[in-house]
Amino acid sequence: MASLQELLAQRAEIEKKITEMQSGARTEAIANIKAVMAEFGLSMADISGGKAPMAPRPQGKVAAKYRNGSTGESWSGRGLKPKWLTAALASGATLESFAV
């Protein structure tokens, strides 16, 4: 019967061979795919169903929807209401009175 060290060495050798074979098979598959794409004049857009990958939208500043006429402070309407607007609303002002 083989010793533990011998079995571990065999397993390491087998795992190395498996990795080499997987890498070779992957390389061969990529080459085959590229050859077929070149033969038929296909692009990645053709393969993905005719849709090119979407580019991320540019993240810009959001325009102000509400402005405090006396101080010039503004709020886009997103997120929590700013303190100046909360205080004005508490004192009886309407949100529409600050609309831009």
C-alpha atoms as a PDB file:
ATOM      1  CA  MET A   1       0.000   0.000   0.000  1.00  0.00           C
ATOM      2  CA  ALA A   2       1.209   3.515  -0.848  1.00  0.00           C
ATOM      3  CA  SER A   3       2.156   5.929   1.895  1.00  0.00           C
ATOM      4  CA  LEU A   4       0.358   9.191   2.548  1.00  0.00           C
ATOM      5  CA  GLN A   5       3.244  11.209   1.095  1.00  0.00           C
ATOM      6  CA  GLU A   6       3.180   9.185  -2.112  1.00  0.00           C
ATOM      7  CA  LEU A   7      -0.571   9.655  -2.497  1.00  0.00           C
ATOM      8  CA  LEU A   8      -0.277  13.401  -1.898  1.00  0.00           C
ATOM      9  CA  ALA A   9       2.475  13.635  -4.513  1.00  0.00           C
ATOM     10  CA  GLN A  10       0.316  11.701  -7.005  1.00  0.00           C
ATOM     11  CA  ARG A  11      -2.635  13.994  -6.307  1.00  0.00           C
ATOM     12  CA  ALA A  12      -0.487  17.108  -6.849  1.00  0.00           C
ATOM     13  CA  GLU A  13       0.789  15.671 -10.140  1.00  0.00           C
ATOM     14  CA  ILE A  14      -2.741  14.799 -11.296  1.00  0.00           C
ATOM     15  CA  GLU A  15      -4.066  18.276 -10.359  1.00  0.00           C
ATOM     16  CA  LYS A  16      -1.205  19.857 -12.315  1.00  0.00           C
ATOM     17  CA  LYS A  17      -2.061  17.746 -15.381  1.00  0.00           C
ATOM     18  CA  ILE A  18      -5.739  18.663 -15.055  1.00  0.00           C
ATOM     19  CA  THR A  19      -4.886  22.363 -14.948  1.00  0.00           C
ATOM     20  CA  GLU A  20      -2.628  22.045 -18.002  1.00  0.00           C
ATOM     21  CA  MET A  21      -5.309  20.169 -19.955  1.00  0.00           C
ATOM     22  CA  GLN A  22      -8.016  22.694 -19.025  1.00  0.00           C
ATOM     23  CA  SER A  23      -5.789  25.557 -20.107  1.00  0.00           C
ATOM     24  CA  GLY A  24      -4.991  23.861 -23.418  1.00  0.00           C
ATOM     25  CA  ALA A  25      -8.646  23.069 -24.076  1.00  0.00           C
ATOM     26  CA  ARG A  26      -9.641  26.650 -23.312  1.00  0.00           C
ATOM     27  CA  THR A  27      -6.975  28.044 -25.630  1.00  0.00           C
ATOM     28  CA  GLU A  28      -8.092  25.666 -28.381  1.00  0.00           C
ATOM     29  CA  ALA A  29     -11.757  26.610 -27.903  1.00  0.00           C
ATOM     30  CA  ILE A  30     -10.953  30.328 -28.130  1.00  0.00           C
ATOM     31  CA  ALA A  31      -8.959  29.752 -31.316  1.00  0.00           C
ATOM     32  CA  ASN A  32     -11.865  27.776 -32.836  1.00  0.00           C
ATOM     33  CA  ILE A  33     -14.359  30.493 -31.940  1.00  0.00           C
ATOM     34  CA  LYS A  34     -12.136  33.208 -33.421  1.00  0.00           C
ATOM     35  CA  ALA A  35     -11.728  31.172 -36.605  1.00  0.00           C
ATOM     36  CA  VAL A  36     -15.485  30.725 -37.011  1.00  0.00           C
ATOM     37  CA  MET A  37     -16.078  34.432 -36.293  1.00  0.00           C
ATOM     38  CA  ALA A  38     -13.512  35.384 -38.942  1.00  0.00           C
ATOM     39  CA  GLU A  39     -14.939  32.894 -41.452  1.00  0.00           C
ATOM     40  CA  PHE A  40     -18.454  34.306 -41.163  1.00  0.00           C
ATOM     41  CA  GLY A  41     -17.498  37.924 -40.461  1.00  0.00           C
ATOM     42  CA  LEU A  42     -19.147  37.954 -37.035  1.00  0.00           C
ATOM     43  CA  SER A  43     -18.591  40.522 -34.308  1.00  0.00           C
ATOM     44  CA  MET A  44     -19.293  40.418 -30.580  1.00  0.00           C
ATOM     45  CA  ALA A  45     -22.501  42.383 -31.236  1.00  0.00           C
ATOM     46  CA  ASP A  46     -23.680  39.593 -33.552  1.00  0.00           C
ATOM     47  CA  ILE A  47     -22.986  36.975 -30.920  1.00  0.00           C
ATOM     48  CA  SER A  48     -24.644  38.887 -28.082  1.00  0.00           C
ATOM     49  CA  GLY A  49     -27.925  39.131 -29.968  1.00  0.00           C
ATOM     50  CA  GLY A  50     -27.215  42.300 -31.910  1.00  0.00           C
ATOM     51  CA  LYS A  51     -26.953  44.479 -28.843  1.00  0.00           C
ATOM     52  CA  ALA A  52     -23.683  46.181 -28.106  1.00  0.00           C
ATOM     53  CA  PRO A  53     -22.778  46.385 -24.433  1.00  0.00           C
ATOM     54  CA  MET A  54     -24.340  49.424 -22.793  1.00  0.00           C
ATOM     55  CA  ALA A  55     -22.035  52.224 -21.807  1.00  0.00           C
ATOM     56  CA  PRO A  56     -22.560  53.639 -18.339  1.00  0.00           C
ATOM     57  CA  ARG A  57     -24.554  56.849 -18.209  1.00  0.00           C
ATOM     58  CA  PRO A  58     -22.608  59.929 -17.228  1.00  0.00           C
ATOM     59  CA  GLN A  59     -23.316  60.941 -13.666  1.00  0.00           C
ATOM     60  CA  GLY A  60     -23.897  64.660 -13.659  1.00  0.00           C
ATOM     61  CA  LYS A  61     -25.368  67.124 -11.232  1.00  0.00           C
ATOM     62  CA  VAL A  62     -29.139  67.196 -10.945  1.00  0.00           C
ATOM     63  CA  ALA A  63     -30.814  70.534 -11.602  1.00  0.00           C
ATOM     64  CA  ALA A  64     -32.330  72.345  -8.637  1.00  0.00           C
ATOM     65  CA  LYS A  65     -36.118  72.117  -8.294  1.00  0.00           C
ATOM     66  CA  TYR A  66     -36.450  74.322  -5.220  1.00  0.00           C
ATOM     67  CA  ARG A  67     -34.568  77.504  -4.322  1.00  0.00           C
ATOM     68  CA  ASN A  68     -34.564  79.799  -1.315  1.00  0.00           C
ATOM     69  CA  GLY A  69     -34.901  83.268  -2.844  1.00  0.00           C
ATOM     70  CA  SER A  70     -33.390  85.094   0.114  1.00  0.00           C
ATOM     71  CA  THR A  71     -30.237  82.978   0.575  1.00  0.00           C
ATOM     72  CA  GLY A  72     -29.864  81.329  -2.827  1.00  0.00           C
ATOM     73  CA  GLU A  73     -29.716  77.832  -1.334  1.00  0.00           C
ATOM     74  CA  SER A  74     -31.202  75.135  -3.540  1.00  0.00           C
ATOM     75  CA  TRP A  75     -32.429  71.549  -3.386  1.00  0.00           C
ATOM     76  CA  SER A  76     -32.822  69.068  -6.241  1.00  0.00           C
ATOM     77  CA  GLY A  77     -35.783  67.305  -4.649  1.00  0.00           C
ATOM     78  CA  ARG A  78     -33.730  64.176  -4.014  1.00  0.00           C
ATOM     79  CA  GLY A  79     -32.762  62.896  -0.614  1.00  0.00           C
ATOM     80  CA  LEU A  80     -33.683  64.494   2.698  1.00  0.00           C
ATOM     81  CA  LYS A  81     -35.128  67.983   2.732  1.00  0.00           C
ATOM     82  CA  PRO A  82     -32.508  70.528   3.728  1.00  0.00           C
ATOM     83  CA  LYS A  83     -32.862  72.303   7.075  1.00  0.00           C
ATOM     84  CA  TRP A  84     -33.691  75.665   5.505  1.00  0.00           C
ATOM     85  CA  LEU A  85     -36.637  74.114   3.648  1.00  0.00           C
ATOM     86  CA  THR A  86     -37.845  72.098   6.632  1.00  0.00           C
ATOM     87  CA  ALA A  87     -37.807  75.235   8.802  1.00  0.00           C
ATOM     88  CA  ALA A  88     -39.657  77.261   6.155  1.00  0.00           C
ATOM     89  CA  LEU A  89     -42.308  74.567   5.759  1.00  0.00           C
ATOM     90  CA  ALA A  90     -42.720  74.368   9.547  1.00  0.00           C
ATOM     91  CA  SER A  91     -43.337  78.126   9.667  1.00  0.00           C
ATOM     92  CA  GLY A  92     -46.206  77.835   7.183  1.00  0.00           C
ATOM     93  CA  ALA A  93     -44.586  78.228   3.746  1.00  0.00           C
ATOM     94  CA  THR A  94     -45.574  75.882   0.933  1.00  0.00           C
ATOM     95  CA  LEU A  95     -43.207  73.748  -1.113  1.00  0.00           C
ATOM     96  CA  GLU A  96     -44.588  75.292  -4.309  1.00  0.00           C
ATOM     97  CA  SER A  97     -43.448  78.730  -3.203  1.00  0.00           C
ATOM     98  CA  PHE A  98     -39.821  77.548  -3.491  1.00  0.00           C
ATOM     99  CA  ALA A  99     -40.216  75.847  -6.897  1.00  0.00           C
ATOM    100  CA  VAL A 100     -37.759  77.004  -9.533  1.00  0.00           C
END
